[in-house]
């Protein structure tokens, strides 16, 4: 009761409700002492294990959502990389200082899985259904030809 900053009566009431819910006694009560029943000891042990697992899961989730660490391999078209990507890199590096970038600027269509690419920037109207895609910008396109070709 003291650890929870509750009155003895409030804790006794909650334990009683828990015992009623479980359909078994968890505590042996005497005027001088409380002790766990076999069911109470088993229940306590399992609850402690569950709470430890929850704490571990929260810690892992916290680590995963903290700062990304390691190598991020990016593929982008050559012209986009030269004209656009460079201006975003300083802010990206400031936000994710523990992340190292390996950037492949090439106009070839890379195979993400076989080439070990984590993120690919594409200028296209067609998207591969097997990939998760997000539009990040609209790029104007112009068709050009020499007067002799026309």
N, C-alpha and C. Protein backbone atom coordinates (compact mmCIF):
# COMPACT_ATOMS: atom_id res chain seq x y z
N UNK A 1 0.83 -1.18 0.00
CA UNK A 1 0.00 0.00 0.00
C UNK A 1 0.88 1.25 0.00
N UNK A 2 1.94 1.23 0.82
CA UNK A 2 2.83 2.40 0.89
C UNK A 2 3.52 2.65 -0.45
N UNK A 3 4.00 1.59 -1.09
CA UNK A 3 4.70 1.74 -2.37
C UNK A 3 3.79 2.33 -3.44
N UNK A 4 2.51 2.04 -3.37
CA UNK A 4 1.55 2.55 -4.35
C UNK A 4 0.89 3.84 -3.89
N UNK A 5 1.24 4.28 -2.69
CA UNK A 5 0.65 5.48 -2.08
C UNK A 5 -0.88 5.34 -2.00
N UNK A 6 -1.30 4.14 -1.54
CA UNK A 6 -2.72 3.85 -1.36
C UNK A 6 -2.97 3.42 0.08
N UNK A 7 -4.20 3.50 0.49
CA UNK A 7 -4.54 3.03 1.84
C UNK A 7 -4.58 1.51 1.84
N UNK A 8 -4.41 0.92 3.04
CA UNK A 8 -4.51 -0.54 3.16
C UNK A 8 -5.88 -1.03 2.69
N UNK A 9 -6.92 -0.27 3.02
CA UNK A 9 -8.28 -0.67 2.64
C UNK A 9 -8.44 -0.70 1.12
N UNK A 10 -7.84 0.28 0.43
CA UNK A 10 -7.95 0.33 -1.03
C UNK A 10 -7.25 -0.87 -1.66
N UNK A 11 -6.07 -1.22 -1.15
CA UNK A 11 -5.34 -2.37 -1.68
C UNK A 11 -6.09 -3.65 -1.39
N UNK A 12 -6.62 -3.79 -0.18
CA UNK A 12 -7.39 -4.98 0.20
C UNK A 12 -8.59 -5.14 -0.73
N UNK A 13 -9.25 -4.03 -1.03
CA UNK A 13 -10.41 -4.06 -1.92
C UNK A 13 -10.00 -4.52 -3.33
N UNK A 14 -8.89 -3.99 -3.86
CA UNK A 14 -8.42 -4.36 -5.19
C UNK A 14 -7.99 -5.83 -5.25
N UNK A 15 -7.32 -6.30 -4.21
CA UNK A 15 -6.92 -7.72 -4.16
C UNK A 15 -8.16 -8.60 -4.12
N UNK A 16 -9.15 -8.19 -3.36
CA UNK A 16 -10.41 -8.95 -3.31
C UNK A 16 -11.09 -9.01 -4.67
N UNK A 17 -11.10 -7.90 -5.39
CA UNK A 17 -11.69 -7.88 -6.73
C UNK A 17 -10.91 -8.79 -7.68
N UNK A 18 -9.58 -8.78 -7.58
CA UNK A 18 -8.75 -9.65 -8.41
C UNK A 18 -9.01 -11.12 -8.10
N UNK A 19 -9.08 -11.45 -6.81
CA UNK A 19 -9.37 -12.84 -6.41
C UNK A 19 -10.74 -13.27 -6.93
N UNK A 20 -11.72 -12.38 -6.86
CA UNK A 20 -13.06 -12.71 -7.36
C UNK A 20 -13.01 -12.92 -8.88
N UNK A 21 -12.26 -12.08 -9.56
CA UNK A 21 -12.13 -12.22 -11.02
C UNK A 21 -11.47 -13.54 -11.39
N UNK A 22 -10.42 -13.93 -10.66
CA UNK A 22 -9.70 -15.16 -10.95
C UNK A 22 -10.40 -16.41 -10.41
N UNK A 23 -11.28 -16.20 -9.45
CA UNK A 23 -11.99 -17.33 -8.87
C UNK A 23 -11.14 -18.15 -7.92
N UNK A 24 -10.13 -17.54 -7.31
CA UNK A 24 -9.26 -18.26 -6.36
C UNK A 24 -8.65 -17.26 -5.39
N UNK A 25 -8.25 -17.77 -4.23
CA UNK A 25 -7.56 -16.92 -3.25
C UNK A 25 -6.10 -16.79 -3.64
N UNK A 26 -5.57 -15.60 -3.53
CA UNK A 26 -4.16 -15.35 -3.82
C UNK A 26 -3.34 -15.20 -2.56
N UNK A 27 -4.00 -14.79 -1.47
CA UNK A 27 -3.30 -14.52 -0.21
C UNK A 27 -3.92 -15.30 0.94
N UNK A 28 -3.04 -15.78 1.83
CA UNK A 28 -3.47 -16.30 3.12
C UNK A 28 -3.39 -15.13 4.09
N UNK A 29 -4.49 -14.83 4.74
CA UNK A 29 -4.54 -13.68 5.63
C UNK A 29 -4.72 -14.15 7.07
N UNK A 30 -3.88 -13.62 7.95
CA UNK A 30 -4.08 -13.78 9.39
C UNK A 30 -4.06 -12.38 9.98
N UNK A 31 -4.30 -12.28 11.25
CA UNK A 31 -4.30 -10.95 11.87
C UNK A 31 -2.89 -10.35 11.90
N UNK A 32 -1.87 -11.20 11.83
CA UNK A 32 -0.49 -10.70 11.93
C UNK A 32 0.30 -10.80 10.63
N UNK A 33 -0.19 -11.59 9.69
CA UNK A 33 0.65 -11.89 8.54
C UNK A 33 -0.14 -12.11 7.26
N UNK A 34 0.50 -11.82 6.13
CA UNK A 34 -0.02 -12.17 4.81
C UNK A 34 1.00 -13.06 4.14
N UNK A 35 0.54 -14.09 3.45
CA UNK A 35 1.45 -14.92 2.66
C UNK A 35 0.72 -15.34 1.39
N UNK A 36 1.51 -15.64 0.37
CA UNK A 36 0.92 -16.06 -0.90
C UNK A 36 0.45 -17.50 -0.83
N UNK A 37 -0.70 -17.76 -1.43
CA UNK A 37 -1.13 -19.15 -1.63
C UNK A 37 -0.31 -19.70 -2.80
N UNK A 38 -0.43 -20.99 -3.08
CA UNK A 38 0.27 -21.55 -4.24
C UNK A 38 -0.19 -20.85 -5.52
N UNK A 39 -1.50 -20.63 -5.63
CA UNK A 39 -2.04 -19.93 -6.80
C UNK A 39 -1.52 -18.50 -6.84
N UNK A 40 -1.42 -17.86 -5.70
CA UNK A 40 -0.91 -16.50 -5.62
C UNK A 40 0.54 -16.41 -6.04
N UNK A 41 1.36 -17.38 -5.61
CA UNK A 41 2.78 -17.40 -5.99
C UNK A 41 2.93 -17.60 -7.49
N UNK A 42 2.15 -18.52 -8.05
CA UNK A 42 2.20 -18.78 -9.49
C UNK A 42 1.75 -17.55 -10.28
N UNK A 43 0.64 -16.95 -9.84
CA UNK A 43 0.12 -15.76 -10.52
C UNK A 43 1.12 -14.62 -10.44
N UNK A 44 1.71 -14.41 -9.28
CA UNK A 44 2.70 -13.35 -9.09
C UNK A 44 3.90 -13.56 -10.01
N UNK A 45 4.41 -14.79 -10.07
CA UNK A 45 5.56 -15.08 -10.92
C UNK A 45 5.28 -14.83 -12.39
N UNK A 46 4.11 -15.25 -12.82
CA UNK A 46 3.77 -15.05 -14.24
C UNK A 46 3.55 -13.57 -14.55
N UNK A 47 2.92 -12.86 -13.64
CA UNK A 47 2.73 -11.42 -13.85
C UNK A 47 4.06 -10.69 -13.89
N UNK A 48 4.98 -11.07 -13.03
CA UNK A 48 6.31 -10.45 -13.02
C UNK A 48 7.01 -10.71 -14.36
N UNK A 49 6.91 -11.94 -14.88
CA UNK A 49 7.52 -12.27 -16.17
C UNK A 49 6.90 -11.43 -17.28
N UNK A 50 5.59 -11.29 -17.27
CA UNK A 50 4.90 -10.49 -18.28
C UNK A 50 5.35 -9.04 -18.21
N UNK A 51 5.45 -8.49 -17.01
CA UNK A 51 5.88 -7.10 -16.86
C UNK A 51 7.32 -6.90 -17.34
N UNK A 52 8.18 -7.88 -17.10
CA UNK A 52 9.56 -7.80 -17.59
C UNK A 52 9.59 -7.85 -19.11
N UNK A 53 8.76 -8.69 -19.71
CA UNK A 53 8.68 -8.77 -21.17
C UNK A 53 8.17 -7.45 -21.76
N UNK A 54 7.19 -6.85 -21.11
CA UNK A 54 6.67 -5.56 -21.57
C UNK A 54 7.77 -4.50 -21.50
N UNK A 55 8.51 -4.48 -20.40
CA UNK A 55 9.61 -3.51 -20.26
C UNK A 55 10.65 -3.73 -21.35
N UNK A 56 10.98 -4.99 -21.64
CA UNK A 56 11.94 -5.29 -22.71
C UNK A 56 11.40 -4.83 -24.07
N UNK A 57 10.13 -5.10 -24.33
CA UNK A 57 9.53 -4.70 -25.61
C UNK A 57 9.53 -3.18 -25.76
N UNK A 58 9.23 -2.47 -24.68
CA UNK A 58 9.25 -1.01 -24.72
C UNK A 58 10.66 -0.50 -24.97
N UNK A 59 11.64 -1.12 -24.36
CA UNK A 59 13.04 -0.70 -24.55
C UNK A 59 13.46 -0.92 -26.00
N UNK A 60 13.11 -2.07 -26.57
CA UNK A 60 13.47 -2.36 -27.96
C UNK A 60 12.77 -1.37 -28.90
N UNK A 61 11.49 -1.14 -28.67
CA UNK A 61 10.75 -0.20 -29.51
C UNK A 61 11.35 1.19 -29.41
N UNK A 62 11.74 1.59 -28.23
CA UNK A 62 12.38 2.89 -28.04
C UNK A 62 13.68 3.00 -28.79
N UNK A 63 14.46 1.92 -28.80
CA UNK A 63 15.73 1.93 -29.52
C UNK A 63 15.50 2.00 -31.03
N UNK A 64 14.47 1.31 -31.50
CA UNK A 64 14.20 1.29 -32.93
C UNK A 64 13.67 2.63 -33.44
N UNK A 65 12.98 3.36 -32.59
CA UNK A 65 12.44 4.65 -33.02
C UNK A 65 13.36 5.80 -32.65
N UNK A 66 14.46 5.51 -32.00
CA UNK A 66 15.40 6.57 -31.65
C UNK A 66 16.15 6.98 -32.92
N UNK A 67 17.42 7.09 -32.85
CA UNK A 67 18.22 7.50 -33.99
C UNK A 67 18.60 6.30 -34.85
N UNK A 68 18.33 6.34 -36.15
CA UNK A 68 18.81 5.28 -37.02
C UNK A 68 20.34 5.27 -37.03
N UNK A 69 20.91 4.07 -37.08
CA UNK A 69 22.36 3.90 -37.05
C UNK A 69 22.74 2.94 -38.16
N UNK A 70 23.88 3.19 -38.79
CA UNK A 70 24.38 2.24 -39.78
C UNK A 70 24.45 2.84 -41.16
N UNK A 71 24.41 1.96 -42.15
CA UNK A 71 24.56 2.34 -43.55
C UNK A 71 23.21 2.32 -44.25
N UNK A 72 22.91 3.40 -44.96
CA UNK A 72 21.69 3.49 -45.77
C UNK A 72 22.13 3.62 -47.22
N UNK A 73 21.76 2.63 -48.03
CA UNK A 73 22.14 2.63 -49.44
C UNK A 73 20.99 3.21 -50.26
N UNK A 74 21.30 4.27 -51.00
CA UNK A 74 20.30 5.02 -51.77
C UNK A 74 20.66 4.97 -53.25
N UNK A 75 19.66 4.77 -54.08
CA UNK A 75 19.82 4.83 -55.54
C UNK A 75 18.97 5.99 -56.05
N UNK A 76 19.55 6.78 -56.96
CA UNK A 76 18.80 7.90 -57.55
C UNK A 76 19.29 8.14 -58.97
N UNK A 77 18.43 8.70 -59.83
CA UNK A 77 18.88 9.05 -61.17
C UNK A 77 20.00 10.09 -61.11
N UNK A 78 20.92 10.02 -62.04
CA UNK A 78 22.09 10.88 -62.04
C UNK A 78 21.72 12.36 -62.02
N UNK A 79 20.85 12.80 -62.92
CA UNK A 79 20.50 14.22 -62.98
C UNK A 79 19.80 14.69 -61.70
N UNK A 80 18.90 13.87 -61.16
CA UNK A 80 18.22 14.24 -59.92
C UNK A 80 19.22 14.35 -58.77
N UNK A 81 20.14 13.41 -58.72
CA UNK A 81 21.14 13.44 -57.66
C UNK A 81 22.00 14.67 -57.72
N UNK A 82 22.42 15.04 -58.93
CA UNK A 82 23.29 16.21 -59.09
C UNK A 82 22.52 17.51 -58.82
N UNK A 83 21.33 17.63 -59.38
CA UNK A 83 20.58 18.88 -59.29
C UNK A 83 19.79 19.06 -58.00
N UNK A 84 19.29 17.98 -57.41
CA UNK A 84 18.37 18.11 -56.29
C UNK A 84 18.85 17.50 -54.98
N UNK A 85 19.39 16.32 -55.05
CA UNK A 85 19.68 15.56 -53.83
C UNK A 85 20.71 16.25 -52.94
N UNK A 86 21.70 16.85 -53.55
CA UNK A 86 22.77 17.48 -52.78
C UNK A 86 22.31 18.53 -51.81
N UNK A 87 21.27 19.27 -52.14
CA UNK A 87 20.82 20.33 -51.24
C UNK A 87 20.09 19.81 -50.00
N UNK A 88 19.63 18.55 -50.04
CA UNK A 88 18.95 17.97 -48.89
C UNK A 88 19.90 17.27 -47.92
N UNK A 89 21.07 16.91 -48.39
CA UNK A 89 21.99 16.10 -47.59
C UNK A 89 22.47 16.75 -46.30
N UNK A 90 22.84 18.05 -46.27
CA UNK A 90 23.29 18.63 -45.00
C UNK A 90 22.22 18.56 -43.90
N UNK A 91 20.98 18.87 -44.22
CA UNK A 91 19.90 18.81 -43.22
C UNK A 91 19.64 17.36 -42.80
N UNK A 92 19.71 16.44 -43.77
CA UNK A 92 19.50 15.02 -43.47
C UNK A 92 20.59 14.53 -42.52
N UNK A 93 21.83 14.89 -42.81
CA UNK A 93 22.94 14.46 -41.95
C UNK A 93 22.84 15.08 -40.56
N UNK A 94 22.39 16.33 -40.47
CA UNK A 94 22.22 16.97 -39.16
C UNK A 94 21.14 16.26 -38.35
N UNK A 95 20.09 15.80 -39.02
CA UNK A 95 19.00 15.12 -38.32
C UNK A 95 19.38 13.69 -37.93
N UNK A 96 20.19 13.01 -38.76
CA UNK A 96 20.57 11.61 -38.53
C UNK A 96 22.09 11.46 -38.59
N UNK A 97 22.79 11.98 -37.59
CA UNK A 97 24.26 11.98 -37.65
C UNK A 97 24.90 10.60 -37.57
N UNK A 98 24.20 9.60 -37.06
CA UNK A 98 24.77 8.26 -36.93
C UNK A 98 24.55 7.40 -38.17
N UNK A 99 23.91 7.97 -39.16
CA UNK A 99 23.60 7.24 -40.39
C UNK A 99 24.64 7.58 -41.46
N UNK A 100 25.22 6.55 -42.05
CA UNK A 100 26.16 6.73 -43.16
C UNK A 100 25.41 6.46 -44.46
N UNK A 101 25.70 7.25 -45.48
CA UNK A 101 25.00 7.11 -46.75
C UNK A 101 25.94 6.57 -47.82
N UNK A 102 25.43 5.63 -48.60
CA UNK A 102 26.10 5.14 -49.80
C UNK A 102 25.13 5.43 -50.94
N UNK A 103 25.46 6.46 -51.73
CA UNK A 103 24.54 6.93 -52.76
C UNK A 103 25.03 6.50 -54.13
N UNK A 104 24.17 5.80 -54.86
CA UNK A 104 24.47 5.34 -56.21
C UNK A 104 23.67 6.22 -57.17
N UNK A 105 24.37 7.11 -57.88
CA UNK A 105 23.72 7.96 -58.88
C UNK A 105 23.91 7.31 -60.24
N UNK A 106 22.81 6.80 -60.78
CA UNK A 106 22.88 6.09 -62.05
C UNK A 106 21.51 6.12 -62.69
N UNK A 107 21.50 6.18 -64.00
CA UNK A 107 20.23 6.17 -64.72
C UNK A 107 19.72 4.77 -65.00
N UNK A 108 20.48 3.76 -64.60
CA UNK A 108 20.02 2.39 -64.80
C UNK A 108 18.99 2.04 -63.72
N UNK A 109 18.08 1.18 -64.04
CA UNK A 109 17.06 0.74 -63.10
C UNK A 109 17.65 -0.40 -62.27
N UNK A 110 17.99 -0.11 -61.02
CA UNK A 110 18.64 -1.12 -60.19
C UNK A 110 17.61 -2.08 -59.60
N UNK A 111 18.04 -3.28 -59.33
CA UNK A 111 17.23 -4.28 -58.64
C UNK A 111 17.48 -4.08 -57.15
N UNK A 112 16.50 -3.54 -56.45
CA UNK A 112 16.70 -3.15 -55.05
C UNK A 112 17.18 -4.31 -54.20
N UNK A 113 16.57 -5.46 -54.34
CA UNK A 113 16.93 -6.60 -53.49
C UNK A 113 18.31 -7.13 -53.84
N UNK A 114 18.56 -7.37 -55.12
CA UNK A 114 19.84 -7.96 -55.53
C UNK A 114 21.01 -7.00 -55.36
N UNK A 115 20.76 -5.69 -55.51
CA UNK A 115 21.83 -4.72 -55.38
C UNK A 115 21.97 -4.18 -53.95
N UNK A 116 21.13 -4.65 -53.04
CA UNK A 116 21.23 -4.24 -51.64
C UNK A 116 20.88 -2.78 -51.40
N UNK A 117 19.95 -2.25 -52.18
CA UNK A 117 19.55 -0.85 -52.06
C UNK A 117 18.40 -0.75 -51.05
N UNK A 118 18.53 0.19 -50.11
CA UNK A 118 17.49 0.39 -49.09
C UNK A 118 16.39 1.34 -49.58
N UNK A 119 16.80 2.41 -50.27
CA UNK A 119 15.86 3.43 -50.73
C UNK A 119 16.22 3.79 -52.16
N UNK A 120 15.21 3.82 -53.02
CA UNK A 120 15.44 4.22 -54.41
C UNK A 120 14.55 5.41 -54.73
N UNK A 121 15.14 6.43 -55.31
CA UNK A 121 14.38 7.57 -55.79
C UNK A 121 14.18 7.36 -57.28
N UNK A 122 12.94 7.47 -57.73
CA UNK A 122 12.62 7.19 -59.13
C UNK A 122 11.84 8.36 -59.72
N UNK A 123 12.11 8.63 -60.97
CA UNK A 123 11.31 9.59 -61.73
C UNK A 123 10.53 8.75 -62.74
N UNK A 124 9.28 8.48 -62.39
CA UNK A 124 8.49 7.56 -63.21
C UNK A 124 7.00 7.76 -62.96
N UNK A 125 6.23 7.31 -63.89
CA UNK A 125 4.79 7.29 -63.72
C UNK A 125 4.29 5.91 -63.37
N UNK A 126 5.18 4.91 -63.49
CA UNK A 126 4.81 3.52 -63.19
C UNK A 126 5.52 3.07 -61.93
N UNK A 127 4.78 2.46 -61.05
CA UNK A 127 5.35 1.98 -59.80
C UNK A 127 5.24 0.47 -59.72
N UNK A 128 6.26 -0.14 -59.17
CA UNK A 128 6.28 -1.59 -58.96
C UNK A 128 5.35 -1.92 -57.79
N UNK A 129 4.39 -2.79 -58.01
CA UNK A 129 3.43 -3.16 -56.96
C UNK A 129 4.09 -3.85 -55.78
N UNK A 130 5.29 -4.38 -55.96
CA UNK A 130 5.98 -5.09 -54.87
C UNK A 130 6.73 -4.14 -53.94
N UNK A 131 6.74 -2.86 -54.26
CA UNK A 131 7.48 -1.89 -53.46
C UNK A 131 6.54 -0.91 -52.78
N UNK A 132 6.99 -0.33 -51.70
CA UNK A 132 6.25 0.73 -51.03
C UNK A 132 6.76 2.05 -51.62
N UNK A 133 5.85 2.85 -52.17
CA UNK A 133 6.26 4.07 -52.84
C UNK A 133 5.53 5.28 -52.26
N UNK A 134 6.24 6.40 -52.21
CA UNK A 134 5.68 7.67 -51.76
C UNK A 134 6.12 8.75 -52.74
N UNK A 135 5.20 9.60 -53.14
CA UNK A 135 5.57 10.73 -53.99
C UNK A 135 6.25 11.77 -53.09
N UNK A 136 7.43 12.20 -53.49
CA UNK A 136 8.14 13.22 -52.71
C UNK A 136 8.24 14.54 -53.46
N UNK A 137 8.05 14.50 -54.78
CA UNK A 137 8.12 15.73 -55.56
C UNK A 137 7.54 15.49 -56.94
N UNK A 138 7.14 16.57 -57.58
CA UNK A 138 6.73 16.52 -58.98
C UNK A 138 7.87 17.11 -59.80
N UNK A 139 8.30 16.39 -60.81
CA UNK A 139 9.41 16.81 -61.65
C UNK A 139 8.86 17.14 -63.03
N UNK A 140 9.00 18.41 -63.48
CA UNK A 140 8.53 18.73 -64.83
C UNK A 140 9.41 18.04 -65.87
N UNK A 141 8.79 17.54 -66.92
CA UNK A 141 9.55 16.87 -67.98
C UNK A 141 9.30 17.61 -69.28
N UNK A 142 10.35 17.68 -70.08
CA UNK A 142 10.28 18.39 -71.36
C UNK A 142 10.83 17.46 -72.43
N UNK A 143 10.13 17.38 -73.54
CA UNK A 143 10.63 16.61 -74.69
C UNK A 143 11.35 17.60 -75.60
N UNK A 144 12.58 17.30 -75.94
CA UNK A 144 13.40 18.19 -76.77
C UNK A 144 13.89 17.43 -78.00
N UNK A 145 14.03 18.15 -79.09
CA UNK A 145 14.58 17.56 -80.31
C UNK A 145 15.24 18.66 -81.13
N UNK A 146 16.19 18.28 -81.93
CA UNK A 146 16.85 19.26 -82.81
C UNK A 146 15.91 19.61 -83.95
N UNK A 147 16.07 20.81 -84.52
CA UNK A 147 15.20 21.20 -85.64
C UNK A 147 15.27 20.21 -86.80
N UNK A 148 16.44 19.61 -87.00
CA UNK A 148 16.58 18.66 -88.09
C UNK A 148 15.78 17.39 -87.86
N UNK A 149 15.57 17.03 -86.62
CA UNK A 149 14.82 15.82 -86.29
C UNK A 149 13.33 16.03 -86.51
N UNK A 150 12.87 17.26 -86.25
CA UNK A 150 11.44 17.56 -86.36
C UNK A 150 11.06 17.67 -87.80
